[in-house]
């Protein structure tokens, strides 16, 4: 099957899924993998927030490995 035909069929399929009546209390219908895809796109554009204790662990390990400056540069980039 040509890629264009496959893409057209998948678009029709997802449109059909999305057009179904919503269950009470829900704003949207998600197809399998959609939430994960959205999260991935958000993480790629905005970065991944890490808890403070995780950063502390990374700083300790980086210092032990002589990479504290590299981690500091990474954190500065992540914080804008």
Protein backbone atom coordinates (compact mmCIF):
# COMPACT_ATOMS: atom_id res chain seq x y z
CA UNK A 1 0.00 0.00 0.00
CA UNK A 2 1.44 3.39 -0.92
CA UNK A 3 2.33 5.66 2.01
CA UNK A 4 -0.12 8.33 0.88
CA UNK A 5 -3.01 5.85 0.92
CA UNK A 6 -2.00 4.59 4.35
CA UNK A 7 -1.79 8.14 5.72
CA UNK A 8 -5.20 8.97 4.24
CA UNK A 9 -6.74 5.88 5.83
CA UNK A 10 -5.16 6.62 9.20
CA UNK A 11 -6.41 10.21 9.07
CA UNK A 12 -9.94 8.97 8.32
CA UNK A 13 -9.67 6.43 11.14
CA UNK A 14 -8.50 8.97 13.72
CA UNK A 15 -11.13 11.47 12.55
CA UNK A 16 -13.78 8.80 13.10
CA UNK A 17 -12.45 8.05 16.59
CA UNK A 18 -12.34 11.75 17.48
CA UNK A 19 -15.87 12.39 16.18
CA UNK A 20 -17.54 9.96 18.60
CA UNK A 21 -19.71 11.36 21.40
CA UNK A 22 -17.73 12.22 24.51
CA UNK A 23 -18.32 10.43 27.78
CA UNK A 24 -19.66 12.61 30.55
CA UNK A 25 -16.87 14.57 32.21
CA UNK A 26 -14.41 14.25 29.33
CA UNK A 27 -13.28 16.91 26.87
CA UNK A 28 -11.60 14.75 24.25
CA UNK A 29 -11.16 11.22 22.92
CA UNK A 30 -7.58 10.02 22.61
CA UNK A 31 -6.36 7.30 20.29
CA UNK A 32 -3.63 4.91 21.51
CA UNK A 33 -0.30 6.70 21.87
CA UNK A 34 -1.71 10.21 21.41
CA UNK A 35 -1.13 11.35 24.98
CA UNK A 36 2.42 10.02 24.91
CA UNK A 37 3.09 11.72 21.57
CA UNK A 38 1.85 15.04 22.91
CA UNK A 39 4.01 14.69 26.01
CA UNK A 40 7.04 13.87 23.86
CA UNK A 41 6.48 16.98 21.75
CA UNK A 42 6.13 19.12 24.89
CA UNK A 43 9.33 17.64 26.33
CA UNK A 44 11.22 18.22 23.09
CA UNK A 45 10.20 21.86 22.94
CA UNK A 46 10.23 22.80 26.64
CA UNK A 47 12.57 20.23 28.16
CA UNK A 48 11.96 17.80 30.97
CA UNK A 49 11.52 19.12 34.49
CA UNK A 50 13.47 17.13 37.05
CA UNK A 51 12.79 17.06 40.79
CA UNK A 52 15.33 18.86 42.99
CA UNK A 53 16.57 15.61 44.51
CA UNK A 54 17.28 14.25 41.01
CA UNK A 55 19.30 17.38 40.17
CA UNK A 56 21.16 17.01 43.46
CA UNK A 57 22.03 13.41 42.55
CA UNK A 58 23.17 14.49 39.09
CA UNK A 59 25.31 17.28 40.56
CA UNK A 60 26.93 14.87 43.01
CA UNK A 61 27.66 12.28 40.31
CA UNK A 62 28.91 14.95 37.90
CA UNK A 63 31.26 16.32 40.56
CA UNK A 64 32.58 12.82 41.28
CA UNK A 65 33.18 12.31 37.55
CA UNK A 66 34.78 15.73 37.04
CA UNK A 67 31.85 16.92 34.93
CA UNK A 68 30.34 19.57 37.22
CA UNK A 69 30.99 22.35 34.67
CA UNK A 70 29.24 20.40 31.90
CA UNK A 71 26.20 19.75 34.09
CA UNK A 72 26.12 23.39 35.13
CA UNK A 73 26.08 24.45 31.47
CA UNK A 74 23.29 21.98 30.79
CA UNK A 75 21.24 23.33 33.69
CA UNK A 76 21.81 26.93 32.60
CA UNK A 77 20.57 26.05 29.12
CA UNK A 78 17.52 24.28 30.55
CA UNK A 79 16.61 27.27 32.71
CA UNK A 80 16.69 29.66 29.78
